Amino acid sequence: MFHITILNYGVGNLHSISKAVSRCGVKVKVTKDAGEILSSRCVIFPGVGAFGAASRVLREVKSPLLEKLENGMPSLGICLGMQILCRESEEGSGAGLGFIPERVRRLNAPKIPHLGWTMVTPTRDRIFEGLETPAYFYFAHSYMVPESKNTIATARYGEVFSAAVKIRNTYGVQFHPEKSSDAGLKVIENFIRFAEEESR
């Protein structure tokens, strides 16, 4: 049976993400065991916490995990989880996985953190299929991934930033789909269907 592994690298919100994925009819495993992580067919990088602490926990699996991503393992990074996929961050020390070739920056906005519902402008990607336009998602962050050729959705809070990126079979979203009501659940459902197809 297809299941999704949620990486436990010392961040919060594991329960909310697990519950949202389970609602889509998929088995969920939350783990920090290196062997279980590296044997997974699909992983989610969750996202409430600090970049430096998360990067230290992932250090021992960094190289083999990066290889799995390069080879097309489906994955989804949520908020901090998307940022940890990047090279580095202005928030604390430690290197990210480096799969997304960007440096995470502090938001240039009058008030930090960015908390609340914000409009997201997506491109035509299957992860956004079935969403009403415009789509609103819940954000809770102080740092962001700059817009680039890998950006598939943008949002604005003080400045425009990447609300979602995609490289190979890896998605990253700055918003919290598990806190974004029906729109967020649809994104999770779309990702799961995509992951199931790619894992066959």
N, C-alpha and C. Protein backbone atom coordinates (compact mmCIF):
# COMPACT_ATOMS: atom_id res chain seq x y z
N MET A 1 0.84 -1.20 0.00
CA MET A 1 0.00 0.00 0.00
C MET A 1 0.87 1.26 0.00
N PHE A 2 0.52 2.23 -0.84
CA PHE A 2 1.28 3.48 -0.93
C PHE A 2 1.15 4.25 0.39
N HIS A 3 2.27 4.74 0.89
CA HIS A 3 2.21 5.59 2.08
C HIS A 3 3.19 6.75 1.94
N ILE A 4 2.97 7.76 2.73
CA ILE A 4 3.80 8.96 2.70
C ILE A 4 4.52 9.09 4.04
N THR A 5 5.81 9.37 3.97
CA THR A 5 6.62 9.56 5.17
C THR A 5 6.73 11.05 5.47
N ILE A 6 6.37 11.42 6.69
CA ILE A 6 6.54 12.80 7.14
C ILE A 6 7.78 12.84 8.02
N LEU A 7 8.74 13.68 7.63
CA LEU A 7 10.01 13.73 8.34
C LEU A 7 9.87 14.48 9.66
N ASN A 8 10.33 13.85 10.71
CA ASN A 8 10.29 14.48 12.03
C ASN A 8 11.69 15.00 12.36
N TYR A 9 11.94 16.26 12.02
CA TYR A 9 13.26 16.84 12.32
C TYR A 9 13.15 17.94 13.37
N GLY A 10 12.21 17.71 14.30
CA GLY A 10 12.11 18.58 15.46
C GLY A 10 11.29 19.83 15.25
N VAL A 11 10.35 19.79 14.30
CA VAL A 11 9.49 20.95 14.08
C VAL A 11 8.08 20.64 14.54
N GLY A 12 7.25 21.69 14.60
CA GLY A 12 5.87 21.51 15.00
C GLY A 12 4.97 21.21 13.81
N ASN A 13 3.70 21.06 14.12
CA ASN A 13 2.64 20.88 13.13
C ASN A 13 2.59 19.49 12.49
N LEU A 14 3.28 18.53 13.07
CA LEU A 14 3.28 17.18 12.51
C LEU A 14 1.88 16.57 12.55
N HIS A 15 1.16 16.82 13.64
CA HIS A 15 -0.17 16.23 13.78
C HIS A 15 -1.13 16.77 12.72
N SER A 16 -1.11 18.08 12.51
CA SER A 16 -2.02 18.69 11.54
C SER A 16 -1.75 18.17 10.13
N ILE A 17 -0.49 18.06 9.77
CA ILE A 17 -0.15 17.57 8.43
C ILE A 17 -0.53 16.10 8.29
N SER A 18 -0.24 15.30 9.31
CA SER A 18 -0.59 13.88 9.29
C SER A 18 -2.09 13.69 9.11
N LYS A 19 -2.86 14.48 9.85
CA LYS A 19 -4.31 14.38 9.78
C LYS A 19 -4.83 14.76 8.40
N ALA A 20 -4.26 15.82 7.81
CA ALA A 20 -4.70 16.26 6.48
C ALA A 20 -4.39 15.21 5.42
N VAL A 21 -3.22 14.60 5.50
CA VAL A 21 -2.84 13.56 4.53
C VAL A 21 -3.71 12.33 4.71
N SER A 22 -3.96 11.94 5.96
CA SER A 22 -4.79 10.78 6.25
C SER A 22 -6.21 10.96 5.72
N ARG A 23 -6.72 12.19 5.78
CA ARG A 23 -8.06 12.47 5.26
C ARG A 23 -8.17 12.20 3.77
N CYS A 24 -7.04 12.19 3.09
CA CYS A 24 -7.02 11.92 1.65
C CYS A 24 -6.92 10.42 1.36
N GLY A 25 -7.00 9.60 2.42
CA GLY A 25 -7.03 8.16 2.23
C GLY A 25 -5.68 7.50 2.05
N VAL A 26 -4.63 8.13 2.56
CA VAL A 26 -3.28 7.60 2.41
C VAL A 26 -2.69 7.28 3.78
N LYS A 27 -1.95 6.20 3.85
CA LYS A 27 -1.27 5.83 5.08
C LYS A 27 -0.10 6.77 5.34
N VAL A 28 0.07 7.18 6.59
CA VAL A 28 1.10 8.15 6.96
C VAL A 28 2.05 7.54 7.99
N LYS A 29 3.34 7.81 7.80
CA LYS A 29 4.34 7.41 8.80
C LYS A 29 5.16 8.64 9.16
N VAL A 30 5.20 8.98 10.45
CA VAL A 30 6.02 10.08 10.93
C VAL A 30 7.27 9.48 11.56
N THR A 31 8.44 9.89 11.07
CA THR A 31 9.66 9.25 11.57
C THR A 31 10.87 10.18 11.50
N LYS A 32 11.83 9.91 12.39
CA LYS A 32 13.14 10.56 12.30
C LYS A 32 14.23 9.52 12.10
N ASP A 33 13.81 8.26 11.89
CA ASP A 33 14.76 7.18 11.68
C ASP A 33 15.37 7.27 10.28
N ALA A 34 16.68 7.31 10.20
CA ALA A 34 17.37 7.49 8.91
C ALA A 34 17.03 6.37 7.93
N GLY A 35 16.99 5.14 8.42
CA GLY A 35 16.69 4.01 7.55
C GLY A 35 15.29 4.11 6.94
N GLU A 36 14.32 4.49 7.76
CA GLU A 36 12.95 4.62 7.27
C GLU A 36 12.82 5.78 6.29
N ILE A 37 13.51 6.86 6.58
CA ILE A 37 13.47 8.01 5.67
C ILE A 37 14.02 7.63 4.30
N LEU A 38 15.15 6.95 4.30
CA LEU A 38 15.84 6.65 3.04
C LEU A 38 15.20 5.50 2.28
N SER A 39 14.31 4.74 2.91
CA SER A 39 13.60 3.68 2.21
C SER A 39 12.22 4.15 1.73
N SER A 40 11.89 5.40 1.98
CA SER A 40 10.58 5.93 1.63
C SER A 40 10.45 6.14 0.12
N ARG A 41 9.21 6.06 -0.35
CA ARG A 41 8.90 6.33 -1.75
C ARG A 41 8.38 7.73 -1.96
N CYS A 42 8.00 8.39 -0.87
CA CYS A 42 7.47 9.76 -0.95
C CYS A 42 7.62 10.40 0.43
N VAL A 43 8.10 11.63 0.48
CA VAL A 43 8.30 12.28 1.78
C VAL A 43 7.69 13.68 1.78
N ILE A 44 7.29 14.11 2.98
CA ILE A 44 6.86 15.49 3.21
C ILE A 44 7.81 16.11 4.23
N PHE A 45 8.30 17.28 3.88
CA PHE A 45 9.13 18.08 4.78
C PHE A 45 8.19 19.08 5.47
N PRO A 46 7.86 18.88 6.75
CA PRO A 46 6.90 19.76 7.42
C PRO A 46 7.52 21.10 7.78
N GLY A 47 6.68 21.98 8.41
CA GLY A 47 7.20 23.30 8.47
C GLY A 47 6.85 24.28 9.53
N VAL A 48 7.03 24.03 10.79
CA VAL A 48 6.96 25.10 11.79
C VAL A 48 8.19 24.94 12.67
N GLY A 49 9.14 25.89 12.58
CA GLY A 49 10.36 25.76 13.36
C GLY A 49 11.46 26.65 12.81
N ALA A 50 12.69 26.34 13.17
CA ALA A 50 13.84 27.16 12.78
C ALA A 50 14.72 26.42 11.77
N PHE A 51 15.22 27.17 10.80
CA PHE A 51 16.02 26.60 9.72
C PHE A 51 17.27 25.89 10.26
N GLY A 52 18.02 26.55 11.13
CA GLY A 52 19.27 25.99 11.61
C GLY A 52 19.09 24.68 12.35
N ALA A 53 18.09 24.61 13.23
CA ALA A 53 17.85 23.38 14.00
C ALA A 53 17.45 22.24 13.08
N ALA A 54 16.58 22.52 12.09
CA ALA A 54 16.14 21.48 11.17
C ALA A 54 17.29 20.97 10.31
N SER A 55 18.13 21.87 9.85
CA SER A 55 19.25 21.48 9.00
C SER A 55 20.23 20.59 9.75
N ARG A 56 20.41 20.83 11.04
CA ARG A 56 21.32 19.99 11.83
C ARG A 56 20.78 18.57 11.97
N VAL A 57 19.48 18.44 12.16
CA VAL A 57 18.88 17.12 12.32
C VAL A 57 18.98 16.32 11.02
N LEU A 58 18.85 16.99 9.88
CA LEU A 58 18.86 16.30 8.58
C LEU A 58 20.27 16.03 8.06
N ARG A 59 21.27 16.50 8.78
CA ARG A 59 22.65 16.42 8.28
C ARG A 59 23.08 15.00 7.93
N GLU A 60 22.72 14.02 8.77
CA GLU A 60 23.21 12.66 8.54
C GLU A 60 22.58 11.98 7.33
N VAL A 61 21.41 12.47 6.90
CA VAL A 61 20.76 11.86 5.73
C VAL A 61 20.82 12.78 4.51
N LYS A 62 21.54 13.89 4.62
CA LYS A 62 21.51 14.90 3.57
C LYS A 62 21.90 14.35 2.20
N SER A 63 23.06 13.74 2.10
CA SER A 63 23.56 13.29 0.78
C SER A 63 22.67 12.23 0.15
N PRO A 64 22.33 11.14 0.86
CA PRO A 64 21.46 10.14 0.23
C PRO A 64 20.04 10.64 -0.03
N LEU A 65 19.53 11.53 0.82
CA LEU A 65 18.19 12.09 0.61
C LEU A 65 18.19 12.99 -0.62
N LEU A 66 19.24 13.78 -0.77
CA LEU A 66 19.37 14.64 -1.95
C LEU A 66 19.43 13.80 -3.22
N GLU A 67 20.12 12.68 -3.16
CA GLU A 67 20.21 11.78 -4.32
C GLU A 67 18.83 11.23 -4.69
N LYS A 68 18.04 10.88 -3.69
CA LYS A 68 16.69 10.38 -3.96
C LYS A 68 15.82 11.46 -4.62
N LEU A 69 15.96 12.69 -4.17
CA LEU A 69 15.22 13.78 -4.79
C LEU A 69 15.67 14.00 -6.23
N GLU A 70 16.98 13.95 -6.46
CA GLU A 70 17.52 14.11 -7.81
C GLU A 70 17.02 13.00 -8.73
N ASN A 71 16.81 11.81 -8.17
CA ASN A 71 16.35 10.67 -8.96
C ASN A 71 14.83 10.63 -9.12
N GLY A 72 14.13 11.63 -8.58
CA GLY A 72 12.71 11.76 -8.87
C GLY A 72 11.75 11.28 -7.81
N MET A 73 12.22 11.04 -6.58
CA MET A 73 11.27 10.68 -5.53
C MET A 73 10.31 11.84 -5.29
N PRO A 74 8.98 11.60 -5.32
CA PRO A 74 8.03 12.69 -5.04
C PRO A 74 8.19 13.21 -3.62
N SER A 75 8.16 14.52 -3.47
CA SER A 75 8.26 15.11 -2.14
C SER A 75 7.56 16.46 -2.13
N LEU A 76 7.20 16.87 -0.92
CA LEU A 76 6.51 18.14 -0.72
C LEU A 76 7.11 18.83 0.49
N GLY A 77 7.60 20.05 0.30
CA GLY A 77 8.09 20.86 1.41
C GLY A 77 7.07 21.92 1.77
N ILE A 78 6.73 22.03 3.04
CA ILE A 78 5.71 22.97 3.50
C ILE A 78 6.35 24.03 4.40
N CYS A 79 6.26 25.29 4.00
CA CYS A 79 6.78 26.44 4.76
C CYS A 79 8.27 26.25 5.06
N LEU A 80 8.66 26.03 6.29
CA LEU A 80 10.06 25.75 6.60
C LEU A 80 10.56 24.57 5.78
N GLY A 81 9.67 23.61 5.51
CA GLY A 81 10.05 22.44 4.72
C GLY A 81 10.50 22.80 3.32
N MET A 82 9.88 23.82 2.72
CA MET A 82 10.36 24.31 1.42
C MET A 82 11.70 25.02 1.59
N GLN A 83 11.83 25.80 2.64
CA GLN A 83 13.07 26.55 2.85
C GLN A 83 14.25 25.62 3.12
N ILE A 84 14.01 24.52 3.82
CA ILE A 84 15.11 23.59 4.14
C ILE A 84 15.61 22.88 2.88
N LEU A 85 14.81 22.89 1.82
CA LEU A 85 15.23 22.32 0.54
C LEU A 85 16.20 23.24 -0.20
N CYS A 86 16.33 24.49 0.26
CA CYS A 86 17.20 25.47 -0.39
C CYS A 86 18.66 25.33 0.07
N ARG A 87 19.53 26.13 -0.52
CA ARG A 87 20.96 26.05 -0.21
C ARG A 87 21.26 26.52 1.21
N GLU A 88 20.70 27.68 1.57
CA GLU A 88 21.00 28.29 2.86
C GLU A 88 19.94 29.32 3.18
N SER A 89 20.01 29.88 4.39
CA SER A 89 19.01 30.85 4.81
C SER A 89 19.64 31.95 5.65
N GLU A 90 19.06 33.13 5.55
CA GLU A 90 19.47 34.22 6.43
C GLU A 90 19.09 33.94 7.88
N GLU A 91 18.19 32.99 8.08
CA GLU A 91 17.74 32.64 9.43
C GLU A 91 18.67 31.59 10.03
N GLY A 92 19.60 31.99 10.83
CA GLY A 92 20.46 31.03 11.52
C GLY A 92 21.53 30.45 10.63
N SER A 93 22.32 29.56 11.23
CA SER A 93 23.44 28.93 10.52
C SER A 93 23.04 27.55 10.02
N GLY A 94 23.93 26.96 9.27
CA GLY A 94 23.69 25.62 8.75
C GLY A 94 23.21 25.66 7.31
N ALA A 95 23.64 24.67 6.55
CA ALA A 95 23.26 24.58 5.14
C ALA A 95 21.99 23.77 4.99
N GLY A 96 21.18 24.15 4.01
CA GLY A 96 20.02 23.36 3.67
C GLY A 96 20.41 22.18 2.81
N LEU A 97 19.43 21.49 2.27
CA LEU A 97 19.71 20.34 1.41
C LEU A 97 20.32 20.76 0.08
N GLY A 98 20.00 21.96 -0.38
CA GLY A 98 20.58 22.45 -1.62
C GLY A 98 19.89 21.97 -2.88
N PHE A 99 18.72 21.37 -2.75
CA PHE A 99 18.00 20.90 -3.93
C PHE A 99 17.39 22.06 -4.70
N ILE A 100 16.86 23.05 -3.97
CA ILE A 100 16.40 24.29 -4.59
C ILE A 100 17.57 25.26 -4.55
N PRO A 101 18.06 25.71 -5.72
CA PRO A 101 19.29 26.52 -5.75
C PRO A 101 19.05 27.99 -5.39
N GLU A 102 18.48 28.24 -4.21
CA GLU A 102 18.16 29.59 -3.79
C GLU A 102 18.61 29.82 -2.35
N ARG A 103 18.79 31.09 -2.02
CA ARG A 103 19.08 31.48 -0.63
C ARG A 103 17.81 32.08 -0.04
N VAL A 104 17.39 31.56 1.08
CA VAL A 104 16.19 32.04 1.76
C VAL A 104 16.48 33.41 2.37
N ARG A 105 15.58 34.37 2.14
CA ARG A 105 15.77 35.73 2.64
C ARG A 105 14.66 36.13 3.60
N ARG A 106 14.97 37.08 4.46
CA ARG A 106 13.95 37.65 5.33
C ARG A 106 13.00 38.50 4.48
N LEU A 107 11.73 38.41 4.76
CA LEU A 107 10.73 39.20 4.05
C LEU A 107 10.97 40.69 4.23
N ASN A 108 10.85 41.43 3.15
CA ASN A 108 10.94 42.88 3.21
C ASN A 108 9.51 43.42 3.30
N ALA A 109 9.01 43.53 4.52
CA ALA A 109 7.62 43.93 4.74
C ALA A 109 7.54 44.79 6.00
N PRO A 110 6.53 45.66 6.09
CA PRO A 110 6.39 46.56 7.25
C PRO A 110 6.22 45.82 8.57
N LYS A 111 5.54 44.67 8.52
CA LYS A 111 5.27 43.92 9.75
C LYS A 111 5.63 42.46 9.55
N ILE A 112 6.43 41.94 10.45
CA ILE A 112 6.90 40.55 10.41
C ILE A 112 6.51 39.89 11.74
N PRO A 113 6.00 38.64 11.72
CA PRO A 113 5.85 37.74 10.57
C PRO A 113 4.60 38.02 9.73
N HIS A 114 4.57 37.39 8.59
CA HIS A 114 3.41 37.41 7.71
C HIS A 114 2.46 36.33 8.21
N LEU A 115 1.33 36.74 8.76
CA LEU A 115 0.35 35.80 9.31
C LEU A 115 -1.01 36.06 8.69
N GLY A 116 -1.62 35.00 8.16
CA GLY A 116 -2.99 35.14 7.69
C GLY A 116 -3.19 34.69 6.26
N TRP A 117 -4.40 34.94 5.77
CA TRP A 117 -4.82 34.50 4.44
C TRP A 117 -4.36 35.49 3.38
N THR A 118 -3.74 34.97 2.33
CA THR A 118 -3.20 35.81 1.26
C THR A 118 -3.49 35.17 -0.08
N MET A 119 -3.76 36.01 -1.07
CA MET A 119 -4.04 35.50 -2.41
C MET A 119 -2.78 34.93 -3.04
N VAL A 120 -2.93 33.79 -3.68
CA VAL A 120 -1.84 33.13 -4.39
C VAL A 120 -2.16 33.11 -5.88
N THR A 121 -1.19 33.48 -6.68
CA THR A 121 -1.34 33.48 -8.13
C THR A 121 -0.54 32.31 -8.71
N PRO A 122 -1.24 31.21 -9.09
CA PRO A 122 -0.53 30.03 -9.58
C PRO A 122 -0.38 30.02 -11.09
N THR A 123 0.60 29.25 -11.57
CA THR A 123 0.68 28.92 -12.98
C THR A 123 -0.16 27.67 -13.22
N ARG A 124 -0.17 27.20 -14.43
CA ARG A 124 -0.93 25.99 -14.73
C ARG A 124 -0.10 24.78 -14.35
N ASP A 125 -0.27 24.32 -13.16
CA ASP A 125 0.40 23.12 -12.69
C ASP A 125 -0.64 22.23 -12.04
N ARG A 126 -0.46 20.93 -12.14
CA ARG A 126 -1.49 20.00 -11.68
C ARG A 126 -1.74 20.08 -10.18
N ILE A 127 -0.79 20.59 -9.43
CA ILE A 127 -1.00 20.67 -7.98
C ILE A 127 -2.09 21.70 -7.64
N PHE A 128 -2.38 22.59 -8.57
CA PHE A 128 -3.41 23.60 -8.35
C PHE A 128 -4.70 23.30 -9.12
N GLU A 129 -4.81 22.13 -9.71
CA GLU A 129 -6.01 21.78 -10.46
C GLU A 129 -7.24 21.76 -9.56
N GLY A 130 -8.36 22.27 -10.08
CA GLY A 130 -9.61 22.23 -9.34
C GLY A 130 -9.80 23.35 -8.35
N LEU A 131 -8.86 24.30 -8.28
CA LEU A 131 -8.98 25.41 -7.34
C LEU A 131 -9.76 26.57 -7.96
N GLU A 132 -10.53 27.25 -7.13
CA GLU A 132 -11.18 28.47 -7.58
C GLU A 132 -10.13 29.58 -7.73
N THR A 133 -10.43 30.54 -8.62
CA THR A 133 -9.53 31.66 -8.83
C THR A 133 -10.23 32.95 -8.44
N PRO A 134 -9.59 33.83 -7.64
CA PRO A 134 -8.28 33.63 -7.04
C PRO A 134 -8.32 32.65 -5.87
N ALA A 135 -7.17 32.09 -5.56
CA ALA A 135 -7.08 31.13 -4.46
C ALA A 135 -6.39 31.80 -3.26
N TYR A 136 -6.91 31.55 -2.08
CA TYR A 136 -6.32 32.11 -0.87
C TYR A 136 -5.82 30.99 0.03
N PHE A 137 -4.63 31.19 0.59
CA PHE A 137 -4.02 30.20 1.47
C PHE A 137 -3.50 30.89 2.73
N TYR A 138 -3.30 30.06 3.77
CA TYR A 138 -2.87 30.60 5.05
C TYR A 138 -1.33 30.57 5.15
N PHE A 139 -0.76 31.71 5.50
CA PHE A 139 0.69 31.85 5.63
C PHE A 139 1.07 32.18 7.08
N ALA A 140 2.26 31.71 7.47
CA ALA A 140 2.82 32.04 8.78
C ALA A 140 4.34 31.95 8.66
N HIS A 141 4.99 33.06 8.27
CA HIS A 141 6.44 33.01 8.04
C HIS A 141 7.04 34.40 8.09
N SER A 142 8.36 34.42 8.32
CA SER A 142 9.13 35.66 8.31
C SER A 142 10.18 35.67 7.22
N TYR A 143 10.45 34.50 6.64
CA TYR A 143 11.45 34.35 5.59
C TYR A 143 10.79 33.77 4.35
N MET A 144 11.43 33.98 3.20
CA MET A 144 10.81 33.56 1.95
C MET A 144 11.86 33.10 0.95
N VAL A 145 11.38 32.36 -0.06
CA VAL A 145 12.20 31.93 -1.18
C VAL A 145 11.94 32.89 -2.33
N PRO A 146 12.98 33.53 -2.88
CA PRO A 146 12.78 34.50 -3.96
C PRO A 146 12.18 33.84 -5.21
N GLU A 147 11.50 34.65 -6.00
CA GLU A 147 10.94 34.19 -7.27
C GLU A 147 12.07 33.79 -8.21
N SER A 148 11.88 32.69 -8.95
CA SER A 148 12.90 32.19 -9.86
C SER A 148 12.24 31.40 -10.99
N LYS A 149 13.04 30.79 -11.84
CA LYS A 149 12.51 29.98 -12.94
C LYS A 149 11.78 28.75 -12.43
N ASN A 150 12.00 28.37 -11.18
CA ASN A 150 11.33 27.20 -10.59
C ASN A 150 10.03 27.56 -9.90
N THR A 151 9.68 28.84 -9.86
CA THR A 151 8.45 29.29 -9.21
C THR A 151 7.23 28.91 -10.03
N ILE A 152 6.22 28.31 -9.36
CA ILE A 152 4.98 27.96 -10.04
C ILE A 152 3.78 28.71 -9.44
N ALA A 153 4.03 29.51 -8.42
CA ALA A 153 2.97 30.36 -7.85
C ALA A 153 3.65 31.47 -7.04
N THR A 154 3.02 32.64 -7.04
CA THR A 154 3.57 33.76 -6.28
C THR A 154 2.53 34.33 -5.33
N ALA A 155 3.00 35.05 -4.33
CA ALA A 155 2.14 35.80 -3.43
C ALA A 155 2.86 37.10 -3.10
N ARG A 156 2.13 38.04 -2.54
CA ARG A 156 2.74 39.32 -2.19
C ARG A 156 2.44 39.66 -0.73
N TYR A 157 3.51 39.97 -0.01
CA TYR A 157 3.39 40.54 1.33
C TYR A 157 4.60 41.44 1.51
N GLY A 158 4.43 42.70 1.27
CA GLY A 158 5.57 43.61 1.24
C GLY A 158 6.31 43.54 -0.07
N GLU A 159 6.53 42.34 -0.55
CA GLU A 159 7.18 42.09 -1.83
C GLU A 159 6.64 40.79 -2.40
N VAL A 160 6.90 40.55 -3.67
CA VAL A 160 6.48 39.30 -4.31
C VAL A 160 7.49 38.22 -3.96
N PHE A 161 7.00 37.02 -3.64
CA PHE A 161 7.89 35.90 -3.33
C PHE A 161 7.27 34.60 -3.87
N SER A 162 8.04 33.55 -3.82
CA SER A 162 7.57 32.24 -4.29
C SER A 162 6.59 31.65 -3.29
N ALA A 163 5.34 31.49 -3.72
CA ALA A 163 4.36 30.79 -2.89
C ALA A 163 4.47 29.29 -3.13
N ALA A 164 5.00 28.90 -4.29
CA ALA A 164 5.21 27.48 -4.60
C ALA A 164 6.29 27.36 -5.65
N VAL A 165 7.07 26.30 -5.53
CA VAL A 165 8.11 25.99 -6.51
C VAL A 165 8.00 24.51 -6.88
N LYS A 166 8.60 24.17 -8.02
CA LYS A 166 8.67 22.77 -8.42
C LYS A 166 9.98 22.51 -9.14
N ILE A 167 10.68 21.46 -8.73
CA ILE A 167 11.87 20.97 -9.42
C ILE A 167 11.73 19.45 -9.50
N ARG A 168 11.80 18.92 -10.71
CA ARG A 168 11.58 17.49 -10.94
C ARG A 168 10.26 17.06 -10.29
N ASN A 169 10.32 16.13 -9.35
CA ASN A 169 9.09 15.66 -8.69
C ASN A 169 8.94 16.22 -7.28
N THR A 170 9.65 17.29 -7.00
CA THR A 170 9.59 17.92 -5.69
C THR A 170 8.85 19.25 -5.76
N TYR A 171 7.85 19.39 -4.91
CA TYR A 171 7.11 20.64 -4.75
C TYR A 171 7.49 21.28 -3.42
N GLY A 172 7.48 22.60 -3.41
CA GLY A 172 7.60 23.35 -2.17
C GLY A 172 6.52 24.40 -2.13
N VAL A 173 5.86 24.55 -0.99
CA VAL A 173 4.84 25.60 -0.83
C VAL A 173 5.15 26.41 0.43
N GLN A 174 5.09 27.72 0.31
CA GLN A 174 5.37 28.57 1.47
C GLN A 174 4.17 28.65 2.40
N PHE A 175 2.99 28.46 1.85
CA PHE A 175 1.77 28.49 2.67
C PHE A 175 1.58 27.15 3.39
N HIS A 176 0.61 27.11 4.29
CA HIS A 176 0.30 25.89 5.03
C HIS A 176 -0.99 25.28 4.46
N PRO A 177 -0.89 24.29 3.58
CA PRO A 177 -2.11 23.68 3.03
C PRO A 177 -2.96 23.01 4.11
N GLU A 178 -2.30 22.50 5.16
CA GLU A 178 -3.04 21.81 6.22
C GLU A 178 -3.87 22.78 7.06
N LYS A 179 -3.64 24.10 6.90
CA LYS A 179 -4.40 25.12 7.62
C LYS A 179 -5.24 25.98 6.67
N SER A 180 -5.32 25.56 5.41
CA SER A 180 -5.93 26.40 4.38
C SER A 180 -7.26 25.87 3.88
N SER A 181 -8.02 25.22 4.74
CA SER A 181 -9.38 24.80 4.44
C SER A 181 -9.45 23.96 3.16
N ASP A 182 -10.50 24.14 2.37
CA ASP A 182 -10.73 23.29 1.20
C ASP A 182 -9.65 23.45 0.14
N ALA A 183 -9.16 24.68 -0.05
CA ALA A 183 -8.12 24.91 -1.05
C ALA A 183 -6.85 24.16 -0.69
N GLY A 184 -6.48 24.20 0.58
CA GLY A 184 -5.29 23.49 1.02
C GLY A 184 -5.43 21.99 0.90
N LEU A 185 -6.60 21.48 1.26
CA LEU A 185 -6.83 20.04 1.15
C LEU A 185 -6.76 19.60 -0.32
N LYS A 186 -7.24 20.45 -1.22
CA LYS A 186 -7.17 20.12 -2.64
C LYS A 186 -5.73 20.04 -3.12
N VAL A 187 -4.89 20.94 -2.66
CA VAL A 187 -3.47 20.89 -3.01
C VAL A 187 -2.85 19.60 -2.51
N ILE A 188 -3.16 19.20 -1.28
CA ILE A 188 -2.62 17.96 -0.74
C ILE A 188 -3.12 16.76 -1.54
N GLU A 189 -4.41 16.75 -1.88
CA GLU A 189 -4.97 15.66 -2.70
C GLU A 189 -4.26 15.59 -4.04
N ASN A 190 -4.07 16.73 -4.68
CA ASN A 190 -3.40 16.75 -5.99
C ASN A 190 -1.98 16.23 -5.89
N PHE A 191 -1.28 16.63 -4.83
CA PHE A 191 0.08 16.13 -4.65
C PHE A 191 0.10 14.61 -4.45
N ILE A 192 -0.82 14.11 -3.65
CA ILE A 192 -0.86 12.67 -3.38
C ILE A 192 -1.11 11.90 -4.66
N ARG A 193 -2.05 12.35 -5.49
CA ARG A 193 -2.33 11.64 -6.74
C ARG A 193 -1.09 11.66 -7.64
N PHE A 194 -0.43 12.82 -7.70
CA PHE A 194 0.79 12.94 -8.47
C PHE A 194 1.87 11.96 -7.95
N ALA A 195 2.04 11.92 -6.63
CA ALA A 195 3.04 11.05 -6.02
C ALA A 195 2.75 9.59 -6.27
N GLU A 196 1.49 9.21 -6.20
CA GLU A 196 1.11 7.82 -6.46
C GLU A 196 1.45 7.42 -7.89
N GLU A 197 1.17 8.30 -8.83
CA GLU A 197 1.47 8.00 -10.23
C GLU A 197 2.97 7.87 -10.47
N GLU A 198 3.74 8.78 -9.88
CA GLU A 198 5.18 8.76 -10.09
C GLU A 198 5.87 7.60 -9.37
N SER A 199 5.20 7.02 -8.38
CA SER A 199 5.82 5.94 -7.60
C SER A 199 5.49 4.55 -8.14
N ARG A 200 4.66 4.48 -9.17
CA ARG A 200 4.28 3.17 -9.71
C ARG A 200 5.44 2.52 -10.46
